[in-house]
PDB file of N, CA and C in Angstrom:
ATOM      1  N   MET A   1     -45.194 -45.356   3.598  1.00  0.00           N
ATOM      2  CA  MET A   1     -45.381 -45.297   3.758  1.00  0.00           C
ATOM      3  C   MET A   1     -46.174 -43.536   4.253  1.00  0.00           C
ATOM      4  N   ASN A   2     -44.976 -42.259   4.742  1.00  0.00           N
ATOM      5  CA  ASN A   2     -44.829 -41.645   5.595  1.00  0.00           C
ATOM      6  C   ASN A   2     -46.249 -40.388   5.159  1.00  0.00           C
ATOM      7  N   LYS A   3     -47.589 -41.008   6.186  1.00  0.00           N
ATOM      8  CA  LYS A   3     -48.348 -39.871   5.807  1.00  0.00           C
ATOM      9  C   LYS A   3     -47.655 -38.544   6.872  1.00  0.00           C
ATOM     10  N   LYS A   4     -48.221 -37.648   6.308  1.00  0.00           N
ATOM     11  CA  LYS A   4     -48.076 -36.099   6.784  1.00  0.00           C
ATOM     12  C   LYS A   4     -49.817 -35.547   7.049  1.00  0.00           C
ATOM     13  N   PHE A   5     -49.627 -35.168   8.246  1.00  0.00           N
ATOM     14  CA  PHE A   5     -51.272 -34.603   8.551  1.00  0.00           C
ATOM     15  C   PHE A   5     -51.098 -33.257   8.521  1.00  0.00           C
ATOM     16  N   LYS A   6     -51.759 -32.113   8.836  1.00  0.00           N
ATOM     17  CA  LYS A   6     -52.133 -31.286   9.319  1.00  0.00           C
ATOM     18  C   LYS A   6     -52.464 -31.036  10.894  1.00  0.00           C
ATOM     19  N   ILE A   7     -53.502 -31.521  11.375  1.00  0.00           N
ATOM     20  CA  ILE A   7     -53.312 -32.006  12.684  1.00  0.00           C
ATOM     21  C   ILE A   7     -52.477 -32.793  13.415  1.00  0.00           C
ATOM     22  N   LYS A   8     -52.891 -31.888  14.198  1.00  0.00           N
ATOM     23  CA  LYS A   8     -51.654 -32.547  15.100  1.00  0.00           C
ATOM     24  C   LYS A   8     -52.556 -32.869  16.582  1.00  0.00           C
ATOM     25  N   LYS A   9     -51.716 -34.248  17.726  1.00  0.00           N
ATOM     26  CA  LYS A   9     -52.497 -34.233  18.617  1.00  0.00           C
ATOM     27  C   LYS A   9     -52.317 -32.857  19.870  1.00  0.00           C
ATOM     28  N   GLY A  10     -53.632 -32.170  20.440  1.00  0.00           N
ATOM     29  CA  GLY A  10     -53.504 -30.829  21.523  1.00  0.00           C
ATOM     30  C   GLY A  10     -54.316 -30.069  19.939  1.00  0.00           C
ATOM     31  N   ASP A  11     -54.289 -30.423  18.960  1.00  0.00           N
ATOM     32  CA  ASP A  11     -55.011 -28.778  18.405  1.00  0.00           C
ATOM     33  C   ASP A  11     -56.574 -28.728  18.691  1.00  0.00           C
ATOM     34  N   SER A  12     -57.188 -27.722  18.751  1.00  0.00           N
ATOM     35  CA  SER A  12     -58.477 -27.823  18.835  1.00  0.00           C
ATOM     36  C   SER A  12     -59.042 -28.437  16.935  1.00  0.00           C
ATOM     37  N   VAL A  13     -59.842 -28.596  17.022  1.00  0.00           N
ATOM     38  CA  VAL A  13     -60.752 -28.634  15.594  1.00  0.00           C
ATOM     39  C   VAL A  13     -62.363 -29.006  15.810  1.00  0.00           C
ATOM     40  N   ILE A  14     -63.088 -29.054  14.931  1.00  0.00           N
ATOM     41  CA  ILE A  14     -64.601 -28.838  14.783  1.00  0.00           C
ATOM     42  C   ILE A  14     -64.768 -29.430  14.540  1.00  0.00           C
ATOM     43  N   VAL A  15     -66.258 -30.413  14.302  1.00  0.00           N
ATOM     44  CA  VAL A  15     -66.830 -31.896  13.391  1.00  0.00           C
ATOM     45  C   VAL A  15     -67.254 -31.234  12.611  1.00  0.00           C
ATOM     46  N   ILE A  16     -67.271 -31.359  10.958  1.00  0.00           N
ATOM     47  CA  ILE A  16     -67.189 -31.028   9.866  1.00  0.00           C
ATOM     48  C   ILE A  16     -68.956 -31.520   9.375  1.00  0.00           C
ATOM     49  N   THR A  17     -69.351 -32.417   9.611  1.00  0.00           N
ATOM     50  CA  THR A  17     -70.263 -33.656   8.978  1.00  0.00           C
ATOM     51  C   THR A  17     -70.645 -34.648   9.900  1.00  0.00           C
ATOM     52  N   GLY A  18     -71.257 -35.140   9.909  1.00  0.00           N
ATOM     53  CA  GLY A  18     -71.896 -36.238  10.764  1.00  0.00           C
ATOM     54  C   GLY A  18     -72.620 -36.002  11.957  1.00  0.00           C
ATOM     55  N   LYS A  19     -72.714 -36.540  12.467  1.00  0.00           N
ATOM     56  CA  LYS A  19     -73.892 -36.652  14.164  1.00  0.00           C
ATOM     57  C   LYS A  19     -73.513 -35.536  14.527  1.00  0.00           C
ATOM     58  N   ASP A  20     -72.149 -35.167  14.498  1.00  0.00           N
ATOM     59  CA  ASP A  20     -71.818 -34.660  15.338  1.00  0.00           C
ATOM     60  C   ASP A  20     -71.195 -32.915  15.262  1.00  0.00           C
ATOM     61  N   LYS A  21     -71.423 -32.268  14.152  1.00  0.00           N
ATOM     62  CA  LYS A  21     -71.736 -31.676  13.345  1.00  0.00           C
ATOM     63  C   LYS A  21     -72.286 -30.246  13.711  1.00  0.00           C
ATOM     64  N   GLY A  22     -71.011 -29.056  13.481  1.00  0.00           N
ATOM     65  CA  GLY A  22     -71.149 -28.487  14.513  1.00  0.00           C
ATOM     66  C   GLY A  22     -69.811 -28.587  16.026  1.00  0.00           C
ATOM     67  N   LYS A  23     -69.523 -29.719  16.977  1.00  0.00           N
ATOM     68  CA  LYS A  23     -69.047 -29.768  18.215  1.00  0.00           C
ATOM     69  C   LYS A  23     -68.231 -29.665  18.150  1.00  0.00           C
ATOM     70  N   THR A  24     -66.887 -28.822  19.128  1.00  0.00           N
ATOM     71  CA  THR A  24     -65.543 -28.480  19.095  1.00  0.00           C
ATOM     72  C   THR A  24     -65.027 -29.368  20.457  1.00  0.00           C
ATOM     73  N   GLY A  25     -63.705 -29.618  19.485  1.00  0.00           N
ATOM     74  CA  GLY A  25     -63.132 -30.869  20.918  1.00  0.00           C
ATOM     75  C   GLY A  25     -60.672 -30.888  20.217  1.00  0.00           C
ATOM     76  N   ASN A  26     -60.627 -31.057  22.077  1.00  0.00           N
ATOM     77  CA  ASN A  26     -58.769 -31.069  21.167  1.00  0.00           C
ATOM     78  C   ASN A  26     -58.747 -32.347  21.268  1.00  0.00           C
ATOM     79  N   VAL A  27     -58.149 -33.098  20.389  1.00  0.00           N
ATOM     80  CA  VAL A  27     -58.086 -34.025  19.577  1.00  0.00           C
ATOM     81  C   VAL A  27     -56.894 -34.641  21.202  1.00  0.00           C
ATOM     82  N   LEU A  28     -57.091 -35.941  21.115  1.00  0.00           N
ATOM     83  CA  LEU A  28     -57.202 -36.472  21.926  1.00  0.00           C
ATOM     84  C   LEU A  28     -55.254 -37.795  21.094  1.00  0.00           C
ATOM     85  N   SER A  29     -55.618 -38.165  20.228  1.00  0.00           N
ATOM     86  CA  SER A  29     -55.171 -39.049  19.725  1.00  0.00           C
ATOM     87  C   SER A  29     -54.815 -38.959  18.183  1.00  0.00           C
ATOM     88  N   ILE A  30     -53.947 -39.668  17.329  1.00  0.00           N
ATOM     89  CA  ILE A  30     -54.182 -39.732  15.708  1.00  0.00           C
ATOM     90  C   ILE A  30     -53.397 -41.158  15.577  1.00  0.00           C
ATOM     91  N   LEU A  31     -54.975 -42.100  14.319  1.00  0.00           N
ATOM     92  CA  LEU A  31     -53.742 -43.455  14.171  1.00  0.00           C
ATOM     93  C   LEU A  31     -53.992 -42.762  12.627  1.00  0.00           C
ATOM     94  N   LYS A  32     -52.885 -42.755  13.092  1.00  0.00           N
ATOM     95  CA  LYS A  32     -52.423 -42.755  11.002  1.00  0.00           C
ATOM     96  C   LYS A  32     -52.472 -44.018  10.591  1.00  0.00           C
ATOM     97  N   ASP A  33     -52.377 -44.485  10.898  1.00  0.00           N
ATOM     98  CA  ASP A  33     -51.899 -45.798   9.786  1.00  0.00           C
ATOM     99  C   ASP A  33     -53.858 -46.328   9.015  1.00  0.00           C
ATOM    100  N   LYS A  34     -55.040 -45.108   9.893  1.00  0.00           N
ATOM    101  CA  LYS A  34     -56.430 -45.588   9.766  1.00  0.00           C
ATOM    102  C   LYS A  34     -57.012 -44.033   8.864  1.00  0.00           C
ATOM    103  N   ASP A  35     -56.057 -43.151   9.385  1.00  0.00           N
ATOM    104  CA  ASP A  35     -56.491 -42.024   8.923  1.00  0.00           C
ATOM    105  C   ASP A  35     -57.745 -41.590   9.805  1.00  0.00           C
ATOM    106  N   ARG A  36     -57.159 -41.104  10.610  1.00  0.00           N
ATOM    107  CA  ARG A  36     -58.442 -41.667  11.658  1.00  0.00           C
ATOM    108  C   ARG A  36     -57.698 -40.429  13.167  1.00  0.00           C
ATOM    109  N   VAL A  37     -58.930 -40.008  14.088  1.00  0.00           N
ATOM    110  CA  VAL A  37     -58.217 -38.965  14.846  1.00  0.00           C
ATOM    111  C   VAL A  37     -59.302 -39.388  16.420  1.00  0.00           C
ATOM    112  N   ILE A  38     -58.930 -38.903  17.573  1.00  0.00           N
ATOM    113  CA  ILE A  38     -59.342 -39.537  18.477  1.00  0.00           C
ATOM    114  C   ILE A  38     -59.763 -37.664  19.157  1.00  0.00           C
ATOM    115  N   VAL A  39     -61.262 -37.598  19.140  1.00  0.00           N
ATOM    116  CA  VAL A  39     -61.266 -36.152  19.297  1.00  0.00           C
ATOM    117  C   VAL A  39     -62.468 -36.126  21.007  1.00  0.00           C
ATOM    118  N   GLN A  40     -61.652 -35.450  21.837  1.00  0.00           N
ATOM    119  CA  GLN A  40     -62.474 -34.899  23.045  1.00  0.00           C
ATOM    120  C   GLN A  40     -63.657 -34.659  23.262  1.00  0.00           C
ATOM    121  N   GLY A  41     -64.323 -35.794  23.869  1.00  0.00           N
ATOM    122  CA  GLY A  41     -65.641 -35.989  24.136  1.00  0.00           C
ATOM    123  C   GLY A  41     -66.965 -35.596  23.050  1.00  0.00           C
ATOM    124  N   ILE A  42     -66.123 -35.929  22.189  1.00  0.00           N
ATOM    125  CA  ILE A  42     -66.647 -36.306  20.298  1.00  0.00           C
ATOM    126  C   ILE A  42     -66.621 -37.538  19.864  1.00  0.00           C
ATOM    127  N   ASN A  43     -68.171 -37.496  19.176  1.00  0.00           N
ATOM    128  CA  ASN A  43     -68.275 -39.641  19.046  1.00  0.00           C
ATOM    129  C   ASN A  43     -68.084 -41.056  19.764  1.00  0.00           C
ATOM    130  N   ILE A  44     -69.788 -40.433  20.803  1.00  0.00           N
ATOM    131  CA  ILE A  44     -69.466 -40.877  22.355  1.00  0.00           C
ATOM    132  C   ILE A  44     -69.470 -42.458  22.422  1.00  0.00           C
ATOM    133  N   ILE A  45     -69.321 -43.535  22.291  1.00  0.00           N
ATOM    134  CA  ILE A  45     -70.032 -44.862  22.083  1.00  0.00           C
ATOM    135  C   ILE A  45     -70.136 -45.188  23.886  1.00  0.00           C
ATOM    136  N   LYS A  46     -71.484 -46.205  23.552  1.00  0.00           N
ATOM    137  CA  LYS A  46     -71.354 -47.209  24.863  1.00  0.00           C
ATOM    138  C   LYS A  46     -70.828 -48.307  24.686  1.00  0.00           C
ATOM    139  N   ARG A  47     -70.130 -48.985  25.841  1.00  0.00           N
ATOM    140  CA  ARG A  47     -68.991 -50.341  26.042  1.00  0.00           C
ATOM    141  C   ARG A  47     -69.816 -50.825  27.140  1.00  0.00           C
ATOM    142  N   HIS A  48     -69.708 -52.081  26.938  1.00  0.00           N
ATOM    143  CA  HIS A  48     -71.416 -52.958  28.281  1.00  0.00           C
ATOM    144  C   HIS A  48     -69.984 -53.573  28.582  1.00  0.00           C
ATOM    145  N   ARG A  49     -68.952 -53.552  29.890  1.00  0.00           N
ATOM    146  CA  ARG A  49     -68.080 -54.148  30.278  1.00  0.00           C
ATOM    147  C   ARG A  49     -69.008 -55.619  30.676  1.00  0.00           C
ATOM    148  N   LYS A  50     -68.110 -56.069  30.914  1.00  0.00           N
ATOM    149  CA  LYS A  50     -69.412 -57.330  32.449  1.00  0.00           C
ATOM    150  C   LYS A  50     -68.459 -57.673  33.106  1.00  0.00           C
ATOM    151  N   ALA A  51     -69.016 -58.652  34.276  1.00  0.00           N
ATOM    152  CA  ALA A  51     -68.312 -58.031  35.663  1.00  0.00           C
ATOM    153  C   ALA A  51     -67.096 -58.713  36.094  1.00  0.00           C
ATOM    154  N   THR A  52     -66.482 -58.613  36.360  1.00  0.00           N
ATOM    155  CA  THR A  52     -65.077 -59.560  37.050  1.00  0.00           C
ATOM    156  C   THR A  52     -65.264 -59.684  38.736  1.00  0.00           C
ATOM    157  N   GLN A  53     -64.229 -60.785  39.352  1.00  0.00           N
ATOM    158  CA  GLN A  53     -63.897 -60.368  40.483  1.00  0.00           C
ATOM    159  C   GLN A  53     -63.776 -59.613  41.339  1.00  0.00           C
ATOM    160  N   GLU A  54     -62.823 -58.481  40.170  1.00  0.00           N
ATOM    161  CA  GLU A  54     -62.282 -57.114  41.226  1.00  0.00           C
ATOM    162  C   GLU A  54     -62.788 -56.425  40.713  1.00  0.00           C
ATOM    163  N   SER A  55     -63.898 -56.008  40.176  1.00  0.00           N
ATOM    164  CA  SER A  55     -64.765 -55.197  39.486  1.00  0.00           C
ATOM    165  C   SER A  55     -66.141 -55.554  39.183  1.00  0.00           C
ATOM    166  N   PRO A  56     -66.944 -55.040  39.600  1.00  0.00           N
ATOM    167  CA  PRO A  56     -68.503 -54.574  38.787  1.00  0.00           C
ATOM    168  C   PRO A  56     -68.574 -54.575  37.312  1.00  0.00           C
ATOM    169  N   GLY A  57     -69.764 -55.012  36.607  1.00  0.00           N
ATOM    170  CA  GLY A  57     -69.848 -54.603  35.602  1.00  0.00           C
ATOM    171  C   GLY A  57     -70.980 -53.619  35.526  1.00  0.00           C
ATOM    172  N   LYS A  58     -70.387 -52.782  34.615  1.00  0.00           N
ATOM    173  CA  LYS A  58     -70.488 -50.822  34.305  1.00  0.00           C
ATOM    174  C   LYS A  58     -70.482 -51.071  31.539  1.00  0.00           C
ATOM    175  N   ILE A  59     -71.370 -49.661  32.483  1.00  0.00           N
ATOM    176  CA  ILE A  59     -71.005 -49.249  31.111  1.00  0.00           C
ATOM    177  C   ILE A  59     -70.518 -48.203  30.712  1.00  0.00           C
ATOM    178  N   GLU A  60     -69.685 -48.184  30.030  1.00  0.00           N
ATOM    179  CA  GLU A  60     -68.746 -46.983  29.733  1.00  0.00           C
ATOM    180  C   GLU A  60     -68.797 -45.883  28.722  1.00  0.00           C
ATOM    181  N   GLU A  61     -68.258 -44.859  28.153  1.00  0.00           N
ATOM    182  CA  GLU A  61     -69.376 -44.798  27.915  1.00  0.00           C
ATOM    183  C   GLU A  61     -67.760 -44.217  27.420  1.00  0.00           C
ATOM    184  N   ILE A  62     -67.062 -44.308  26.217  1.00  0.00           N
ATOM    185  CA  ILE A  62     -66.025 -44.168  25.479  1.00  0.00           C
ATOM    186  C   ILE A  62     -65.485 -42.448  23.990  1.00  0.00           C
ATOM    187  N   GLU A  63     -64.906 -42.878  23.369  1.00  0.00           N
ATOM    188  CA  GLU A  63     -64.973 -41.489  22.011  1.00  0.00           C
ATOM    189  C   GLU A  63     -64.498 -42.336  21.095  1.00  0.00           C
ATOM    190  N   ALA A  64     -65.053 -42.529  20.259  1.00  0.00           N
ATOM    191  CA  ALA A  64     -64.730 -43.600  18.885  1.00  0.00           C
ATOM    192  C   ALA A  64     -63.754 -42.419  18.193  1.00  0.00           C
ATOM    193  N   SER A  65     -63.158 -43.157  17.274  1.00  0.00           N
ATOM    194  CA  SER A  65     -62.831 -42.185  16.107  1.00  0.00           C
ATOM    195  C   SER A  65     -63.013 -41.693  14.850  1.00  0.00           C
ATOM    196  N   LEU A  66     -63.005 -40.369  14.305  1.00  0.00           N
ATOM    197  CA  LEU A  66     -63.478 -39.694  13.239  1.00  0.00           C
ATOM    198  C   LEU A  66     -62.819 -40.055  12.078  1.00  0.00           C
ATOM    199  N   HIS A  67     -63.186 -40.206  11.027  1.00  0.00           N
ATOM    200  CA  HIS A  67     -62.631 -39.984  10.256  1.00  0.00           C
ATOM    201  C   HIS A  67     -60.875 -38.428   9.928  1.00  0.00           C
ATOM    202  N   ILE A  68     -60.345 -38.201   9.555  1.00  0.00           N
ATOM    203  CA  ILE A  68     -60.173 -37.211  10.091  1.00  0.00           C
ATOM    204  C   ILE A  68     -60.701 -35.817   8.958  1.00  0.00           C
ATOM    205  N   SER A  69     -60.976 -36.674   7.206  1.00  0.00           N
ATOM    206  CA  SER A  69     -61.369 -35.810   6.399  1.00  0.00           C
ATOM    207  C   SER A  69     -62.979 -35.203   7.534  1.00  0.00           C
ATOM    208  N   ASN A  70     -63.832 -35.587   8.470  1.00  0.00           N
ATOM    209  CA  ASN A  70     -64.806 -34.943   8.917  1.00  0.00           C
ATOM    210  C   ASN A  70     -64.472 -33.971   9.302  1.00  0.00           C
ATOM    211  N   VAL A  71     -63.342 -34.061  10.017  1.00  0.00           N
ATOM    212  CA  VAL A  71     -63.028 -32.770  11.201  1.00  0.00           C
ATOM    213  C   VAL A  71     -61.738 -31.562  10.615  1.00  0.00           C
ATOM    214  N   SER A  72     -61.542 -30.854  10.960  1.00  0.00           N
ATOM    215  CA  SER A  72     -61.335 -28.717  10.307  1.00  0.00           C
ATOM    216  C   SER A  72     -60.976 -28.038  11.690  1.00  0.00           C
ATOM    217  N   HIS A  73     -59.756 -27.083  11.451  1.00  0.00           N
ATOM    218  CA  HIS A  73     -58.950 -26.950  12.537  1.00  0.00           C
ATOM    219  C   HIS A  73     -60.121 -25.259  12.839  1.00  0.00           C
ATOM    220  N   VAL A  74     -60.068 -25.160  13.887  1.00  0.00           N
ATOM    221  CA  VAL A  74     -61.825 -23.569  14.545  1.00  0.00           C
ATOM    222  C   VAL A  74     -59.864 -23.184  14.332  1.00  0.00           C
ATOM    223  N   ASP A  75     -60.586 -21.527  13.518  1.00  0.00           N
ATOM    224  CA  ASP A  75     -60.336 -20.695  13.630  1.00  0.00           C
ATOM    225  C   ASP A  75     -59.784 -19.820  15.197  1.00  0.00           C
ATOM    226  N   PRO A  76     -58.850 -20.014  16.256  1.00  0.00           N
ATOM    227  CA  PRO A  76     -58.463 -18.780  17.089  1.00  0.00           C
ATOM    228  C   PRO A  76     -59.143 -17.304  17.066  1.00  0.00           C
ATOM    229  N   ASP A  77     -59.460 -16.999  16.498  1.00  0.00           N
ATOM    230  CA  ASP A  77     -60.177 -15.808  16.136  1.00  0.00           C
ATOM    231  C   ASP A  77     -61.472 -16.179  16.280  1.00  0.00           C
ATOM    232  N   ASN A  78     -61.867 -16.198  15.353  1.00  0.00           N
ATOM    233  CA  ASN A  78     -63.760 -16.759  15.159  1.00  0.00           C
ATOM    234  C   ASN A  78     -64.512 -17.542  15.637  1.00  0.00           C
ATOM    235  N   GLY A  79     -63.637 -19.222  15.465  1.00  0.00           N
ATOM    236  CA  GLY A  79     -63.614 -20.047  15.835  1.00  0.00           C
ATOM    237  C   GLY A  79     -65.074 -20.715  14.726  1.00  0.00           C
ATOM    238  N   LYS A  80     -64.444 -20.530  13.783  1.00  0.00           N
ATOM    239  CA  LYS A  80     -65.049 -20.849  12.303  1.00  0.00           C
ATOM    240  C   LYS A  80     -63.776 -22.056  12.519  1.00  0.00           C
ATOM    241  N   PRO A  81     -64.415 -22.869  11.309  1.00  0.00           N
ATOM    242  CA  PRO A  81     -63.406 -24.100  10.135  1.00  0.00           C
ATOM    243  C   PRO A  81     -62.791 -22.876   9.475  1.00  0.00           C
ATOM    244  N   THR A  82     -61.283 -24.062   9.247  1.00  0.00           N
ATOM    245  CA  THR A  82     -60.348 -22.784   8.598  1.00  0.00           C
ATOM    246  C   THR A  82     -59.566 -24.505   7.956  1.00  0.00           C
ATOM    247  N   ARG A  83     -59.202 -23.507   7.030  1.00  0.00           N
ATOM    248  CA  ARG A  83     -57.662 -24.745   6.426  1.00  0.00           C
ATOM    249  C   ARG A  83     -56.317 -23.986   6.754  1.00  0.00           C
ATOM    250  N   VAL A  84     -55.130 -25.060   6.193  1.00  0.00           N
ATOM    251  CA  VAL A  84     -53.670 -24.324   6.815  1.00  0.00           C
ATOM    252  C   VAL A  84     -53.129 -23.860   5.900  1.00  0.00           C
ATOM    253  N   LYS A  85     -52.432 -23.239   6.594  1.00  0.00           N
ATOM    254  CA  LYS A  85     -50.791 -22.523   5.519  1.00  0.00           C
ATOM    255  C   LYS A  85     -49.907 -22.948   6.022  1.00  0.00           C
ATOM    256  N   TYR A  86     -48.750 -23.019   5.200  1.00  0.00           N
ATOM    257  CA  TYR A  86     -48.195 -22.879   5.938  1.00  0.00           C
ATOM    258  C   TYR A  86     -46.481 -21.556   5.487  1.00  0.00           C
ATOM    259  N   GLU A  87     -46.067 -21.504   6.352  1.00  0.00           N
ATOM    260  CA  GLU A  87     -45.141 -19.977   6.547  1.00  0.00           C
ATOM    261  C   GLU A  87     -43.520 -20.076   7.653  1.00  0.00           C
ATOM    262  N   ILE A  88     -42.736 -19.730   6.867  1.00  0.00           N
ATOM    263  CA  ILE A  88     -41.617 -20.620   6.774  1.00  0.00           C
ATOM    264  C   ILE A  88     -41.001 -18.874   7.463  1.00  0.00           C
ATOM    265  N   LYS A  89     -40.525 -18.405   9.081  1.00  0.00           N
ATOM    266  CA  LYS A  89     -39.612 -17.009   9.575  1.00  0.00           C
ATOM    267  C   LYS A  89     -39.026 -17.582  10.159  1.00  0.00           C
ATOM    268  N   ASP A  90     -37.923 -16.921   9.589  1.00  0.00           N
ATOM    269  CA  ASP A  90     -36.438 -17.218  10.325  1.00  0.00           C
ATOM    270  C   ASP A  90     -35.766 -18.382  10.418  1.00  0.00           C
ATOM    271  N   GLY A  91     -36.392 -19.560   9.288  1.00  0.00           N
ATOM    272  CA  GLY A  91     -35.950 -21.088   9.723  1.00  0.00           C
ATOM    273  C   GLY A  91     -36.943 -21.616  10.025  1.00  0.00           C
ATOM    274  N   VAL A  92     -37.717 -21.558  10.367  1.00  0.00           N
ATOM    275  CA  VAL A  92     -39.086 -21.993  11.808  1.00  0.00           C
ATOM    276  C   VAL A  92     -40.843 -22.165  10.977  1.00  0.00           C
ATOM    277  N   LYS A  93     -40.352 -23.459  10.912  1.00  0.00           N
ATOM    278  CA  LYS A  93     -42.063 -23.479  10.428  1.00  0.00           C
ATOM    279  C   LYS A  93     -43.534 -23.028  10.451  1.00  0.00           C
ATOM    280  N   LYS A  94     -44.093 -22.828  10.823  1.00  0.00           N
ATOM    281  CA  LYS A  94     -45.106 -22.309  11.444  1.00  0.00           C
ATOM    282  C   LYS A  94     -46.638 -22.681  10.575  1.00  0.00           C
ATOM    283  N   ARG A  95     -47.450 -23.099  10.831  1.00  0.00           N
ATOM    284  CA  ARG A  95     -48.888 -23.532  10.625  1.00  0.00           C
ATOM    285  C   ARG A  95     -50.060 -22.112  11.126  1.00  0.00           C
ATOM    286  N   MET A  96     -50.607 -21.805   9.686  1.00  0.00           N
ATOM    287  CA  MET A  96     -51.327 -20.743  10.291  1.00  0.00           C
ATOM    288  C   MET A  96     -52.334 -21.028   9.347  1.00  0.00           C
ATOM    289  N   SER A  97     -53.832 -20.535   9.483  1.00  0.00           N
ATOM    290  CA  SER A  97     -54.752 -20.350   9.702  1.00  0.00           C
ATOM    291  C   SER A  97     -54.642 -19.224   8.327  1.00  0.00           C
ATOM    292  N   VAL A  98     -55.807 -20.176   7.323  1.00  0.00           N
ATOM    293  CA  VAL A  98     -56.288 -19.402   5.805  1.00  0.00           C
ATOM    294  C   VAL A  98     -57.517 -18.710   6.390  1.00  0.00           C
ATOM    295  N   VAL A  99     -57.925 -18.394   7.198  1.00  0.00           N
ATOM    296  CA  VAL A  99     -58.821 -17.725   7.153  1.00  0.00           C
ATOM    297  C   VAL A  99     -58.545 -16.094   7.664  1.00  0.00           C
ATOM    298  N   SER A 100     -58.013 -15.815   8.906  1.00  0.00           N
ATOM    299  CA  SER A 100     -57.662 -15.110   9.879  1.00  0.00           C
ATOM    300  C   SER A 100     -55.951 -14.902   9.906  1.00  0.00           C
ATOM    301  N   GLY A 101     -55.428 -15.748   9.056  1.00  0.00           N
ATOM    302  CA  GLY A 101     -54.226 -15.733   8.998  1.00  0.00           C
ATOM    303  C   GLY A 101     -52.911 -15.120  10.328  1.00  0.00           C
ATOM    304  N   SER A 102     -53.892 -16.144  11.840  1.00  0.00           N
ATOM    305  CA  SER A 102     -53.445 -16.338  12.519  1.00  0.00           C
ATOM    306  C   SER A 102     -52.594 -17.596  13.044  1.00  0.00           C
ATOM    307  N   LEU A 103     -51.670 -17.893  14.553  1.00  0.00           N
ATOM    308  CA  LEU A 103     -50.694 -18.582  14.197  1.00  0.00           C
ATOM    309  C   LEU A 103     -51.201 -19.836  15.020  1.00  0.00           C
ATOM    310  N   LEU A 104     -51.549 -21.099  14.384  1.00  0.00           N
ATOM    311  CA  LEU A 104     -52.011 -21.903  15.490  1.00  0.00           C
ATOM    312  C   LEU A 104     -50.784 -23.309  16.175  1.00  0.00           C
ATOM    313  N   ASP A 105     -50.777 -22.850  15.577  1.00  0.00           N
ATOM    314  CA  ASP A 105     -48.667 -23.479  16.461  1.00  0.00           C
ATOM    315  C   ASP A 105     -48.737 -22.672  18.217  1.00  0.00           C
ATOM    316  N   LYS A 106     -48.461 -23.616  19.570  1.00  0.00           N
ATOM    317  CA  LYS A 106     -48.359 -22.523  20.755  1.00  0.00           C
ATOM    318  C   LYS A 106     -47.678 -21.732  20.284  1.00  0.00           C
TER     319      LYS A 106
END
């Protein structure tokens, strides 16, 4: 069961639904087996850590995962959500924005 996602690590995405709707961030990691992504600064949750002999207890704020259907690529030209299309030029497959036609690959 090899899944192919159009979103890759390092891509700039926007949240299109949920409590963080409208926020943008970069993809930190992708959990392919669960169809989820972790986005920098989005879906922050608090984790209570118990004190140990080495470190005191604390409350950490970390990013939780989002379902991949709740995020969309950000168009580089206008900053709005966009779909992705593929074009092959000179034998190289490139990802492009459907809205403006600009390249999403760096």
